Amino acid sequence: MIRICGYLLSLILLIGFTQGAAAADAIQGQTLAKRWCAACHVVAADQKSGNTQAPPFSAIAKMPRFDVARLALFLLEPHPKMPDMNLSRSEATDLAAYIQSQGN
């Protein structure tokens, strides 16, 4: 029963991110990327270098199963190699939309 509730909650969050991704602001995401991510990731074509352990945003956006909603959800959870950015849901969707735009 708990497992089913967990799946349902994940589905609801994913649907919410999918709807929010349509209204995402990639320009605001670029601002966030330069503030939070540029020390490790190459976040734009004009950036000279990043950390060799972190993939460039262009590579992330070109991954075969890239999904902007899943990325936004991933960005909300703290990860050992990434700082806890304490992003709001809209900031996470903005940042994910910006990362997606780097795949073009």
PDB file of N, CA and C in Angstrom:
ATOM      1  N   MET A   1       0.823  -1.190   0.000  1.00  0.00           N
ATOM      2  CA  MET A   1       0.000   0.000   0.000  1.00  0.00           C
ATOM      3  C   MET A   1       0.868   1.255   0.000  1.00  0.00           C
ATOM      4  N   ILE A   2       1.918   1.250   0.819  1.00  0.00           N
ATOM      5  CA  ILE A   2       2.813   2.409   0.881  1.00  0.00           C
ATOM      6  C   ILE A   2       3.510   2.598  -0.458  1.00  0.00           C
ATOM      7  N   ARG A   3       3.906   1.500  -1.083  1.00  0.00           N
ATOM      8  CA  ARG A   3       4.577   1.560  -2.382  1.00  0.00           C
ATOM      9  C   ARG A   3       3.649   2.173  -3.433  1.00  0.00           C
ATOM     10  N   ILE A   4       2.387   1.792  -3.433  1.00  0.00           N
ATOM     11  CA  ILE A   4       1.421   2.341  -4.387  1.00  0.00           C
ATOM     12  C   ILE A   4       1.245   3.838  -4.153  1.00  0.00           C
ATOM     13  N   CYS A   5       1.156   4.260  -2.905  1.00  0.00           N
ATOM     14  CA  CYS A   5       1.035   5.687  -2.594  1.00  0.00           C
ATOM     15  C   CYS A   5       2.266   6.454  -3.067  1.00  0.00           C
ATOM     16  N   GLY A   6       3.439   5.863  -2.911  1.00  0.00           N
ATOM     17  CA  GLY A   6       4.669   6.491  -3.383  1.00  0.00           C
ATOM     18  C   GLY A   6       4.661   6.658  -4.893  1.00  0.00           C
ATOM     19  N   TYR A   7       4.215   5.636  -5.615  1.00  0.00           N
ATOM     20  CA  TYR A   7       4.126   5.724  -7.072  1.00  0.00           C
ATOM     21  C   TYR A   7       3.129   6.788  -7.500  1.00  0.00           C
ATOM     22  N   LEU A   8       1.990   6.840  -6.816  1.00  0.00           N
ATOM     23  CA  LEU A   8       0.992   7.839  -7.160  1.00  0.00           C
ATOM     24  C   LEU A   8       1.506   9.257  -6.912  1.00  0.00           C
ATOM     25  N   LEU A   9       2.193   9.457  -5.808  1.00  0.00           N
ATOM     26  CA  LEU A   9       2.761  10.771  -5.509  1.00  0.00           C
ATOM     27  C   LEU A   9       3.786  11.160  -6.564  1.00  0.00           C
ATOM     28  N   SER A  10       4.633  10.226  -6.960  1.00  0.00           N
ATOM     29  CA  SER A  10       5.622  10.488  -8.014  1.00  0.00           C
ATOM     30  C   SER A  10       4.940  10.847  -9.322  1.00  0.00           C
ATOM     31  N   LEU A  11       3.872  10.142  -9.654  1.00  0.00           N
ATOM     32  CA  LEU A  11       3.134  10.419 -10.881  1.00  0.00           C
ATOM     33  C   LEU A  11       2.515  11.808 -10.843  1.00  0.00           C
ATOM     34  N   ILE A  12       1.937  12.172  -9.723  1.00  0.00           N
ATOM     35  CA  ILE A  12       1.328  13.499  -9.579  1.00  0.00           C
ATOM     36  C   ILE A  12       2.384  14.588  -9.727  1.00  0.00           C
ATOM     37  N   LEU A  13       3.542  14.409  -9.099  1.00  0.00           N
ATOM     38  CA  LEU A  13       4.617  15.390  -9.223  1.00  0.00           C
ATOM     39  C   LEU A  13       5.120  15.487 -10.657  1.00  0.00           C
ATOM     40  N   LEU A  14       5.256  14.353 -11.323  1.00  0.00           N
ATOM     41  CA  LEU A  14       5.733  14.354 -12.698  1.00  0.00           C
ATOM     42  C   LEU A  14       4.745  15.056 -13.621  1.00  0.00           C
ATOM     43  N   ILE A  15       3.473  14.837 -13.419  1.00  0.00           N
ATOM     44  CA  ILE A  15       2.449  15.516 -14.218  1.00  0.00           C
ATOM     45  C   ILE A  15       2.503  17.021 -13.959  1.00  0.00           C
ATOM     46  N   GLY A  16       2.671  17.403 -12.708  1.00  0.00           N
ATOM     47  CA  GLY A  16       2.781  18.816 -12.380  1.00  0.00           C
ATOM     48  C   GLY A  16       3.978  19.465 -13.041  1.00  0.00           C
ATOM     49  N   PHE A  17       5.101  18.774 -13.077  1.00  0.00           N
ATOM     50  CA  PHE A  17       6.289  19.315 -13.733  1.00  0.00           C
ATOM     51  C   PHE A  17       6.097  19.390 -15.233  1.00  0.00           C
ATOM     52  N   THR A  18       5.411  18.426 -15.803  1.00  0.00           N
ATOM     53  CA  THR A  18       5.173  18.441 -17.240  1.00  0.00           C
ATOM     54  C   THR A  18       4.336  19.652 -17.614  1.00  0.00           C
ATOM     55  N   GLN A  19       3.324  19.957 -16.822  1.00  0.00           N
ATOM     56  CA  GLN A  19       2.500  21.124 -17.087  1.00  0.00           C
ATOM     57  C   GLN A  19       3.280  22.408 -16.834  1.00  0.00           C
ATOM     58  N   GLY A  20       4.114  22.415 -15.803  1.00  0.00           N
ATOM     59  CA  GLY A  20       4.900  23.596 -15.484  1.00  0.00           C
ATOM     60  C   GLY A  20       6.011  23.837 -16.481  1.00  0.00           C
ATOM     61  N   ALA A  21       6.492  22.796 -17.126  1.00  0.00           N
ATOM     62  CA  ALA A  21       7.580  22.943 -18.088  1.00  0.00           C
ATOM     63  C   ALA A  21       7.156  23.778 -19.278  1.00  0.00           C
ATOM     64  N   ALA A  22       5.877  23.728 -19.623  1.00  0.00           N
ATOM     65  CA  ALA A  22       5.394  24.527 -20.741  1.00  0.00           C
ATOM     66  C   ALA A  22       5.488  26.019 -20.425  1.00  0.00           C
ATOM     67  N   ALA A  23       5.374  26.384 -19.164  1.00  0.00           N
ATOM     68  CA  ALA A  23       5.429  27.779 -18.758  1.00  0.00           C
ATOM     69  C   ALA A  23       6.814  28.166 -18.241  1.00  0.00           C
ATOM     70  N   ALA A  24       7.796  27.293 -18.403  1.00  0.00           N
ATOM     71  CA  ALA A  24       9.132  27.538 -17.865  1.00  0.00           C
ATOM     72  C   ALA A  24       9.792  28.705 -18.586  1.00  0.00           C
ATOM     73  N   ASP A  25      10.655  29.404 -17.861  1.00  0.00           N
ATOM     74  CA  ASP A  25      11.367  30.570 -18.375  1.00  0.00           C
ATOM     75  C   ASP A  25      12.851  30.216 -18.504  1.00  0.00           C
ATOM     76  N   ALA A  26      13.276  29.874 -19.719  1.00  0.00           N
ATOM     77  CA  ALA A  26      14.658  29.470 -19.945  1.00  0.00           C
ATOM     78  C   ALA A  26      15.642  30.611 -19.671  1.00  0.00           C
ATOM     79  N   ILE A  27      15.222  31.856 -19.851  1.00  0.00           N
ATOM     80  CA  ILE A  27      16.099  33.003 -19.562  1.00  0.00           C
ATOM     81  C   ILE A  27      16.392  33.057 -18.061  1.00  0.00           C
ATOM     82  N   GLN A  28      15.365  32.856 -17.252  1.00  0.00           N
ATOM     83  CA  GLN A  28      15.569  32.798 -15.799  1.00  0.00           C
ATOM     84  C   GLN A  28      16.429  31.579 -15.449  1.00  0.00           C
ATOM     85  N   GLY A  29      16.233  30.491 -16.171  1.00  0.00           N
ATOM     86  CA  GLY A  29      17.052  29.300 -15.965  1.00  0.00           C
ATOM     87  C   GLY A  29      18.520  29.566 -16.266  1.00  0.00           C
ATOM     88  N   GLN A  30      18.795  30.377 -17.267  1.00  0.00           N
ATOM     89  CA  GLN A  30      20.175  30.737 -17.594  1.00  0.00           C
ATOM     90  C   GLN A  30      20.816  31.506 -16.440  1.00  0.00           C
ATOM     91  N   THR A  31      20.067  32.411 -15.844  1.00  0.00           N
ATOM     92  CA  THR A  31      20.571  33.166 -14.688  1.00  0.00           C
ATOM     93  C   THR A  31      20.912  32.222 -13.546  1.00  0.00           C
ATOM     94  N   LEU A  32      20.022  31.271 -13.276  1.00  0.00           N
ATOM     95  CA  LEU A  32      20.264  30.285 -12.223  1.00  0.00           C
ATOM     96  C   LEU A  32      21.476  29.417 -12.555  1.00  0.00           C
ATOM     97  N   ALA A  33      21.608  29.025 -13.812  1.00  0.00           N
ATOM     98  CA  ALA A  33      22.723  28.171 -14.226  1.00  0.00           C
ATOM     99  C   ALA A  33      24.061  28.886 -14.018  1.00  0.00           C
ATOM    100  N   LYS A  34      24.101  30.144 -14.368  1.00  0.00           N
ATOM    101  CA  LYS A  34      25.345  30.893 -14.205  1.00  0.00           C
ATOM    102  C   LYS A  34      25.685  31.078 -12.731  1.00  0.00           C
ATOM    103  N   ARG A  35      24.666  31.224 -11.891  1.00  0.00           N
ATOM    104  CA  ARG A  35      24.890  31.406 -10.456  1.00  0.00           C
ATOM    105  C   ARG A  35      25.276  30.105  -9.765  1.00  0.00           C
ATOM    106  N   TRP A  36      24.552  29.019 -10.056  1.00  0.00           N
ATOM    107  CA  TRP A  36      24.706  27.784  -9.297  1.00  0.00           C
ATOM    108  C   TRP A  36      25.546  26.703  -9.974  1.00  0.00           C
ATOM    109  N   CYS A  37      25.573  26.679 -11.293  1.00  0.00           N
ATOM    110  CA  CYS A  37      26.089  25.498 -11.990  1.00  0.00           C
ATOM    111  C   CYS A  37      27.414  25.705 -12.721  1.00  0.00           C
ATOM    112  N   ALA A  38      27.751  26.948 -13.055  1.00  0.00           N
ATOM    113  CA  ALA A  38      28.901  27.226 -13.922  1.00  0.00           C
ATOM    114  C   ALA A  38      30.248  26.869 -13.303  1.00  0.00           C
ATOM    115  N   ALA A  39      30.328  26.723 -12.003  1.00  0.00           N
ATOM    116  CA  ALA A  39      31.598  26.337 -11.382  1.00  0.00           C
ATOM    117  C   ALA A  39      31.978  24.901 -11.753  1.00  0.00           C
ATOM    118  N   CYS A  40      30.986  24.061 -12.028  1.00  0.00           N
ATOM    119  CA  CYS A  40      31.261  22.655 -12.340  1.00  0.00           C
ATOM    120  C   CYS A  40      30.902  22.289 -13.779  1.00  0.00           C
ATOM    121  N   HIS A  41      29.780  22.785 -14.274  1.00  0.00           N
ATOM    122  CA  HIS A  41      29.297  22.453 -15.614  1.00  0.00           C
ATOM    123  C   HIS A  41      29.623  23.579 -16.586  1.00  0.00           C
ATOM    124  N   VAL A  42      29.835  23.232 -17.840  1.00  0.00           N
ATOM    125  CA  VAL A  42      29.842  24.241 -18.891  1.00  0.00           C
ATOM    126  C   VAL A  42      28.366  24.487 -19.194  1.00  0.00           C
ATOM    127  N   VAL A  43      27.894  25.700 -18.886  1.00  0.00           N
ATOM    128  CA  VAL A  43      26.470  25.984 -18.980  1.00  0.00           C
ATOM    129  C   VAL A  43      26.080  26.725 -20.255  1.00  0.00           C
ATOM    130  N   ALA A  44      27.064  27.222 -21.014  1.00  0.00           N
ATOM    131  CA  ALA A  44      26.783  27.955 -22.245  1.00  0.00           C
ATOM    132  C   ALA A  44      27.946  27.780 -23.211  1.00  0.00           C
ATOM    133  N   ALA A  45      27.669  27.986 -24.482  1.00  0.00           N
ATOM    134  CA  ALA A  45      28.690  27.795 -25.513  1.00  0.00           C
ATOM    135  C   ALA A  45      29.877  28.735 -25.340  1.00  0.00           C
ATOM    136  N   ASP A  46      29.657  29.900 -24.755  1.00  0.00           N
ATOM    137  CA  ASP A  46      30.754  30.863 -24.608  1.00  0.00           C
ATOM    138  C   ASP A  46      31.584  30.650 -23.337  1.00  0.00           C
ATOM    139  N   GLN A  47      31.228  29.658 -22.521  1.00  0.00           N
ATOM    140  CA  GLN A  47      31.994  29.365 -21.303  1.00  0.00           C
ATOM    141  C   GLN A  47      33.220  28.546 -21.672  1.00  0.00           C
ATOM    142  N   LYS A  48      34.365  28.935 -21.165  1.00  0.00           N
ATOM    143  CA  LYS A  48      35.640  28.288 -21.522  1.00  0.00           C
ATOM    144  C   LYS A  48      35.779  26.880 -20.944  1.00  0.00           C
ATOM    145  N   SER A  49      35.498  26.718 -19.652  1.00  0.00           N
ATOM    146  CA  SER A  49      35.710  25.404 -19.044  1.00  0.00           C
ATOM    147  C   SER A  49      34.829  25.210 -17.822  1.00  0.00           C
ATOM    148  N   GLY A  50      34.699  23.957 -17.429  1.00  0.00           N
ATOM    149  CA  GLY A  50      33.995  23.562 -16.215  1.00  0.00           C
ATOM    150  C   GLY A  50      34.811  22.467 -15.557  1.00  0.00           C
ATOM    151  N   ASN A  51      34.233  21.781 -14.633  1.00  0.00           N
ATOM    152  CA  ASN A  51      34.871  20.659 -13.954  1.00  0.00           C
ATOM    153  C   ASN A  51      34.805  19.437 -14.875  1.00  0.00           C
ATOM    154  N   THR A  52      35.880  18.701 -14.996  1.00  0.00           N
ATOM    155  CA  THR A  52      35.871  17.535 -15.875  1.00  0.00           C
ATOM    156  C   THR A  52      34.968  16.410 -15.364  1.00  0.00           C
ATOM    157  N   GLN A  53      34.550  16.477 -14.114  1.00  0.00           N
ATOM    158  CA  GLN A  53      33.672  15.458 -13.545  1.00  0.00           C
ATOM    159  C   GLN A  53      32.197  15.715 -13.846  1.00  0.00           C
ATOM    160  N   ALA A  54      31.871  16.936 -14.290  1.00  0.00           N
ATOM    161  CA  ALA A  54      30.474  17.301 -14.537  1.00  0.00           C
ATOM    162  C   ALA A  54      30.258  17.516 -16.032  1.00  0.00           C
ATOM    163  N   PRO A  55      29.252  16.869 -16.612  1.00  0.00           N
ATOM    164  CA  PRO A  55      29.032  17.011 -18.054  1.00  0.00           C
ATOM    165  C   PRO A  55      28.524  18.409 -18.417  1.00  0.00           C
ATOM    166  N   PRO A  56      28.861  18.887 -19.609  1.00  0.00           N
ATOM    167  CA  PRO A  56      28.314  20.161 -20.077  1.00  0.00           C
ATOM    168  C   PRO A  56      26.797  20.051 -20.242  1.00  0.00           C
ATOM    169  N   PHE A  57      26.112  21.177 -20.100  1.00  0.00           N
ATOM    170  CA  PHE A  57      24.655  21.169 -20.267  1.00  0.00           C
ATOM    171  C   PHE A  57      24.259  20.689 -21.661  1.00  0.00           C
ATOM    172  N   SER A  58      25.061  21.019 -22.675  1.00  0.00           N
ATOM    173  CA  SER A  58      24.730  20.574 -24.040  1.00  0.00           C
ATOM    174  C   SER A  58      24.727  19.049 -24.124  1.00  0.00           C
ATOM    175  N   ALA A  59      25.642  18.397 -23.418  1.00  0.00           N
ATOM    176  CA  ALA A  59      25.686  16.929 -23.417  1.00  0.00           C
ATOM    177  C   ALA A  59      24.501  16.346 -22.648  1.00  0.00           C
ATOM    178  N   ILE A  60      24.133  16.972 -21.552  1.00  0.00           N
ATOM    179  CA  ILE A  60      22.975  16.506 -20.774  1.00  0.00           C
ATOM    180  C   ILE A  60      21.713  16.576 -21.634  1.00  0.00           C
ATOM    181  N   ALA A  61      21.530  17.701 -22.331  1.00  0.00           N
ATOM    182  CA  ALA A  61      20.327  17.898 -23.148  1.00  0.00           C
ATOM    183  C   ALA A  61      20.252  16.932 -24.320  1.00  0.00           C
ATOM    184  N   LYS A  62      21.392  16.409 -24.758  1.00  0.00           N
ATOM    185  CA  LYS A  62      21.411  15.493 -25.895  1.00  0.00           C
ATOM    186  C   LYS A  62      21.381  14.022 -25.487  1.00  0.00           C
ATOM    187  N   MET A  63      21.261  13.753 -24.201  1.00  0.00           N
ATOM    188  CA  MET A  63      21.187  12.360 -23.749  1.00  0.00           C
ATOM    189  C   MET A  63      19.946  11.707 -24.349  1.00  0.00           C
ATOM    190  N   PRO A  64      20.041  10.427 -24.730  1.00  0.00           N
ATOM    191  CA  PRO A  64      18.945   9.761 -25.437  1.00  0.00           C
ATOM    192  C   PRO A  64      17.582   9.821 -24.742  1.00  0.00           C
ATOM    193  N   ARG A  65      17.551   9.687 -23.455  1.00  0.00           N
ATOM    194  CA  ARG A  65      16.253   9.675 -22.759  1.00  0.00           C
ATOM    195  C   ARG A  65      16.020  10.955 -21.970  1.00  0.00           C
ATOM    196  N   PHE A  66      16.562  12.079 -22.451  1.00  0.00           N
ATOM    197  CA  PHE A  66      16.397  13.355 -21.761  1.00  0.00           C
ATOM    198  C   PHE A  66      14.919  13.701 -21.659  1.00  0.00           C
ATOM    199  N   ASP A  67      14.516  14.122 -20.482  1.00  0.00           N
ATOM    200  CA  ASP A  67      13.136  14.527 -20.234  1.00  0.00           C
ATOM    201  C   ASP A  67      13.169  15.720 -19.291  1.00  0.00           C
ATOM    202  N   VAL A  68      12.653  16.838 -19.739  1.00  0.00           N
ATOM    203  CA  VAL A  68      12.742  18.076 -18.967  1.00  0.00           C
ATOM    204  C   VAL A  68      12.014  17.958 -17.623  1.00  0.00           C
ATOM    205  N   ALA A  69      10.891  17.271 -17.582  1.00  0.00           N
ATOM    206  CA  ALA A  69      10.144  17.124 -16.330  1.00  0.00           C
ATOM    207  C   ALA A  69      10.917  16.269 -15.323  1.00  0.00           C
ATOM    208  N   ARG A  70      11.516  15.192 -15.794  1.00  0.00           N
ATOM    209  CA  ARG A  70      12.309  14.340 -14.896  1.00  0.00           C
ATOM    210  C   ARG A  70      13.536  15.084 -14.384  1.00  0.00           C
ATOM    211  N   LEU A  71      14.160  15.898 -15.251  1.00  0.00           N
ATOM    212  CA  LEU A  71      15.315  16.675 -14.827  1.00  0.00           C
ATOM    213  C   LEU A  71      14.912  17.686 -13.757  1.00  0.00           C
ATOM    214  N   ALA A  72      13.782  18.352 -13.934  1.00  0.00           N
ATOM    215  CA  ALA A  72      13.318  19.322 -12.938  1.00  0.00           C
ATOM    216  C   ALA A  72      13.106  18.644 -11.586  1.00  0.00           C
ATOM    217  N   LEU A  73      12.518  17.471 -11.591  1.00  0.00           N
ATOM    218  CA  LEU A  73      12.306  16.718 -10.355  1.00  0.00           C
ATOM    219  C   LEU A  73      13.649  16.331  -9.739  1.00  0.00           C
ATOM    220  N   PHE A  74      14.595  15.893 -10.561  1.00  0.00           N
ATOM    221  CA  PHE A  74      15.937  15.536 -10.094  1.00  0.00           C
ATOM    222  C   PHE A  74      16.616  16.736  -9.423  1.00  0.00           C
ATOM    223  N   LEU A  75      16.451  17.920  -9.988  1.00  0.00           N
ATOM    224  CA  LEU A  75      17.103  19.113  -9.452  1.00  0.00           C
ATOM    225  C   LEU A  75      16.581  19.525  -8.075  1.00  0.00           C
ATOM    226  N   LEU A  76      15.390  19.085  -7.729  1.00  0.00           N
ATOM    227  CA  LEU A  76      14.814  19.430  -6.427  1.00  0.00           C
ATOM    228  C   LEU A  76      15.374  18.591  -5.286  1.00  0.00           C
ATOM    229  N   GLU A  77      15.946  17.450  -5.618  1.00  0.00           N
ATOM    230  CA  GLU A  77      16.460  16.553  -4.591  1.00  0.00           C
ATOM    231  C   GLU A  77      17.954  16.800  -4.382  1.00  0.00           C
ATOM    232  N   PRO A  78      18.417  16.900  -3.128  1.00  0.00           N
ATOM    233  CA  PRO A  78      19.853  17.070  -2.894  1.00  0.00           C
ATOM    234  C   PRO A  78      20.632  15.838  -3.351  1.00  0.00           C
ATOM    235  N   HIS A  79      21.816  16.070  -3.883  1.00  0.00           N
ATOM    236  CA  HIS A  79      22.670  14.989  -4.357  1.00  0.00           C
ATOM    237  C   HIS A  79      24.069  15.189  -3.808  1.00  0.00           C
ATOM    238  N   PRO A  80      24.767  14.101  -3.519  1.00  0.00           N
ATOM    239  CA  PRO A  80      26.092  14.203  -2.896  1.00  0.00           C
ATOM    240  C   PRO A  80      27.081  15.066  -3.671  1.00  0.00           C
ATOM    241  N   LYS A  81      27.093  14.980  -4.987  1.00  0.00           N
ATOM    242  CA  LYS A  81      28.082  15.722  -5.764  1.00  0.00           C
ATOM    243  C   LYS A  81      27.627  17.141  -6.104  1.00  0.00           C
ATOM    244  N   MET A  82      26.384  17.459  -5.822  1.00  0.00           N
ATOM    245  CA  MET A  82      25.853  18.784  -6.151  1.00  0.00           C
ATOM    246  C   MET A  82      25.471  19.513  -4.866  1.00  0.00           C
ATOM    247  N   PRO A  83      25.614  20.839  -4.864  1.00  0.00           N
ATOM    248  CA  PRO A  83      25.172  21.576  -3.680  1.00  0.00           C
ATOM    249  C   PRO A  83      23.645  21.549  -3.583  1.00  0.00           C
ATOM    250  N   ASP A  84      23.124  21.703  -2.385  1.00  0.00           N
ATOM    251  CA  ASP A  84      21.681  21.809  -2.207  1.00  0.00           C
ATOM    252  C   ASP A  84      21.305  23.240  -2.573  1.00  0.00           C
ATOM    253  N   MET A  85      20.767  23.403  -3.755  1.00  0.00           N
ATOM    254  CA  MET A  85      20.452  24.733  -4.262  1.00  0.00           C
ATOM    255  C   MET A  85      19.155  25.270  -3.685  1.00  0.00           C
ATOM    256  N   ASN A  86      18.392  24.416  -3.050  1.00  0.00           N
ATOM    257  CA  ASN A  86      17.122  24.806  -2.447  1.00  0.00           C
ATOM    258  C   ASN A  86      16.243  25.560  -3.447  1.00  0.00           C
ATOM    259  N   LEU A  87      16.094  24.967  -4.644  1.00  0.00           N
ATOM    260  CA  LEU A  87      15.308  25.572  -5.707  1.00  0.00           C
ATOM    261  C   LEU A  87      13.818  25.424  -5.444  1.00  0.00           C
ATOM    262  N   SER A  88      13.061  26.407  -5.861  1.00  0.00           N
ATOM    263  CA  SER A  88      11.604  26.266  -5.854  1.00  0.00           C
ATOM    264  C   SER A  88      11.222  25.403  -7.061  1.00  0.00           C
ATOM    265  N   ARG A  89       9.997  24.980  -7.109  1.00  0.00           N
ATOM    266  CA  ARG A  89       9.533  24.162  -8.225  1.00  0.00           C
ATOM    267  C   ARG A  89       9.649  24.928  -9.545  1.00  0.00           C
ATOM    268  N   SER A  90       9.286  26.214  -9.549  1.00  0.00           N
ATOM    269  CA  SER A  90       9.374  26.994 -10.783  1.00  0.00           C
ATOM    270  C   SER A  90      10.827  27.228 -11.192  1.00  0.00           C
ATOM    271  N   GLU A  91      11.721  27.420 -10.228  1.00  0.00           N
ATOM    272  CA  GLU A  91      13.138  27.578 -10.549  1.00  0.00           C
ATOM    273  C   GLU A  91      13.703  26.292 -11.156  1.00  0.00           C
ATOM    274  N   ALA A  92      13.305  25.152 -10.621  1.00  0.00           N
ATOM    275  CA  ALA A  92      13.772  23.869 -11.162  1.00  0.00           C
ATOM    276  C   ALA A  92      13.292  23.680 -12.596  1.00  0.00           C
ATOM    277  N   THR A  93      12.047  24.059 -12.890  1.00  0.00           N
ATOM    278  CA  THR A  93      11.546  23.924 -14.258  1.00  0.00           C
ATOM    279  C   THR A  93      12.230  24.937 -15.187  1.00  0.00           C
ATOM    280  N   ASP A  94      12.519  26.130 -14.680  1.00  0.00           N
ATOM    281  CA  ASP A  94      13.251  27.122 -15.483  1.00  0.00           C
ATOM    282  C   ASP A  94      14.643  26.619 -15.827  1.00  0.00           C
ATOM    283  N   LEU A  95      15.345  26.086 -14.842  1.00  0.00           N
ATOM    284  CA  LEU A  95      16.685  25.575 -15.061  1.00  0.00           C
ATOM    285  C   LEU A  95      16.674  24.393 -16.021  1.00  0.00           C
ATOM    286  N   ALA A  96      15.721  23.501 -15.856  1.00  0.00           N
ATOM    287  CA  ALA A  96      15.587  22.348 -16.761  1.00  0.00           C
ATOM    288  C   ALA A  96      15.284  22.802 -18.179  1.00  0.00           C
ATOM    289  N   ALA A  97      14.452  23.830 -18.329  1.00  0.00           N
ATOM    290  CA  ALA A  97      14.143  24.360 -19.664  1.00  0.00           C
ATOM    291  C   ALA A  97      15.389  24.966 -20.299  1.00  0.00           C
ATOM    292  N   TYR A  98      16.201  25.646 -19.510  1.00  0.00           N
ATOM    293  CA  TYR A  98      17.441  26.210 -20.038  1.00  0.00           C
ATOM    294  C   TYR A  98      18.388  25.093 -20.485  1.00  0.00           C
ATOM    295  N   ILE A  99      18.514  24.061 -19.661  1.00  0.00           N
ATOM    296  CA  ILE A  99      19.389  22.934 -20.028  1.00  0.00           C
ATOM    297  C   ILE A  99      18.893  22.315 -21.333  1.00  0.00           C
ATOM    298  N   GLN A 100      17.587  22.150 -21.469  1.00  0.00           N
ATOM    299  CA  GLN A 100      17.028  21.609 -22.694  1.00  0.00           C
ATOM    300  C   GLN A 100      17.390  22.476 -23.902  1.00  0.00           C
ATOM    301  N   SER A 101      17.385  23.781 -23.720  1.00  0.00           N
ATOM    302  CA  SER A 101      17.698  24.692 -24.841  1.00  0.00           C
ATOM    303  C   SER A 101      19.153  24.572 -25.293  1.00  0.00           C
ATOM    304  N   GLN A 102      20.015  24.040 -24.467  1.00  0.00           N
ATOM    305  CA  GLN A 102      21.429  23.897 -24.827  1.00  0.00           C
ATOM    306  C   GLN A 102      21.676  22.697 -25.728  1.00  0.00           C
ATOM    307  N   GLY A 103      20.672  21.890 -25.958  1.00  0.00           N
ATOM    308  CA  GLY A 103      20.820  20.727 -26.821  1.00  0.00           C
ATOM    309  C   GLY A 103      20.615  21.032 -28.293  1.00  0.00           C
ATOM    310  N   ASN A 104      20.263  22.227 -28.609  1.00  0.00           N
ATOM    311  CA  ASN A 104      20.006  22.613 -30.011  1.00  0.00           C
ATOM    312  C   ASN A 104      21.276  22.921 -30.749  1.00  0.00           C
TER     313      ASN A 104
END
